[in-house]
Protein backbone atom coordinates (compact mmCIF):
# COMPACT_ATOMS: atom_id res chain seq x y z
CA UNK A 1 9.94 -11.44 14.69
CA UNK A 2 7.48 -13.98 13.30
CA UNK A 3 6.93 -13.40 9.58
CA UNK A 4 3.29 -14.48 9.83
CA UNK A 5 2.48 -11.62 12.16
CA UNK A 6 0.63 -8.84 10.39
CA UNK A 7 2.86 -5.84 9.91
CA UNK A 8 1.40 -2.36 10.01
CA UNK A 9 3.05 -0.91 6.95
CA UNK A 10 1.43 2.30 5.91
CA UNK A 11 -1.64 4.44 5.74
CA UNK A 12 -2.89 5.71 2.46
CA UNK A 13 -5.40 8.32 1.46
CA UNK A 14 -7.82 7.90 -1.41
CA UNK A 15 -10.01 10.52 -3.01
CA UNK A 16 -13.74 10.03 -3.39
CA UNK A 17 -15.75 11.75 -6.11
CA UNK A 18 -16.22 14.71 -3.76
CA UNK A 19 -12.43 15.15 -3.46
CA UNK A 20 -12.50 14.33 0.24
CA UNK A 21 -9.86 12.14 1.78
CA UNK A 22 -10.43 8.76 3.30
CA UNK A 23 -7.53 7.35 5.27
CA UNK A 24 -7.06 3.58 5.19
CA UNK A 25 -4.58 1.62 7.25
CA UNK A 26 -3.52 -1.76 5.90
CA UNK A 27 -1.79 -4.60 7.68
CA UNK A 28 0.72 -6.57 5.66
CA UNK A 29 2.76 -9.61 6.54
CA UNK A 30 6.47 -8.96 6.64
CA UNK A 31 6.81 -10.82 3.33
CA UNK A 32 4.15 -8.62 1.71
CA UNK A 33 5.77 -5.45 3.06
CA UNK A 34 9.19 -6.59 1.83
CA UNK A 35 7.76 -7.35 -1.62
CA UNK A 36 6.18 -3.90 -1.83
CA UNK A 37 9.32 -2.17 -0.60
CA UNK A 38 11.52 -4.05 -3.09
CA UNK A 39 9.14 -3.24 -5.96
CA UNK A 40 9.16 0.44 -4.99
CA UNK A 41 12.95 0.51 -4.84
CA UNK A 42 13.24 -1.20 -8.24
CA UNK A 43 10.75 1.10 -9.93
CA UNK A 44 11.55 4.29 -8.03
CA UNK A 45 7.86 4.75 -7.29
CA UNK A 46 6.34 5.47 -3.88
CA UNK A 47 4.15 2.78 -2.31
CA UNK A 48 1.09 5.04 -2.38
CA UNK A 49 1.29 5.33 -6.18
CA UNK A 50 1.67 1.57 -6.60
CA UNK A 51 -1.29 0.85 -4.32
CA UNK A 52 -3.52 3.49 -5.96
CA UNK A 53 -2.72 2.09 -9.41
CA UNK A 54 -3.64 -1.43 -8.28
CA UNK A 55 -6.92 -0.19 -6.78
CA UNK A 56 -7.81 1.74 -9.95
CA UNK A 57 -7.21 -1.41 -12.01
CA UNK A 58 -9.92 -3.30 -10.10
CA UNK A 59 -13.11 -3.97 -12.05
């Protein structure tokens, strides 16, 4: 498979101020998905927690 092809990796749910869910699907390249998977394996954290933390760190 071509590594430049976008790879549908996961869906994640985020909470708004009203505590309602919003489902977001992201497309990652195979390299990006591999990087995320490796990081999650090394840290023992699920991808959803890593992604939420990165989003919360945005200004």
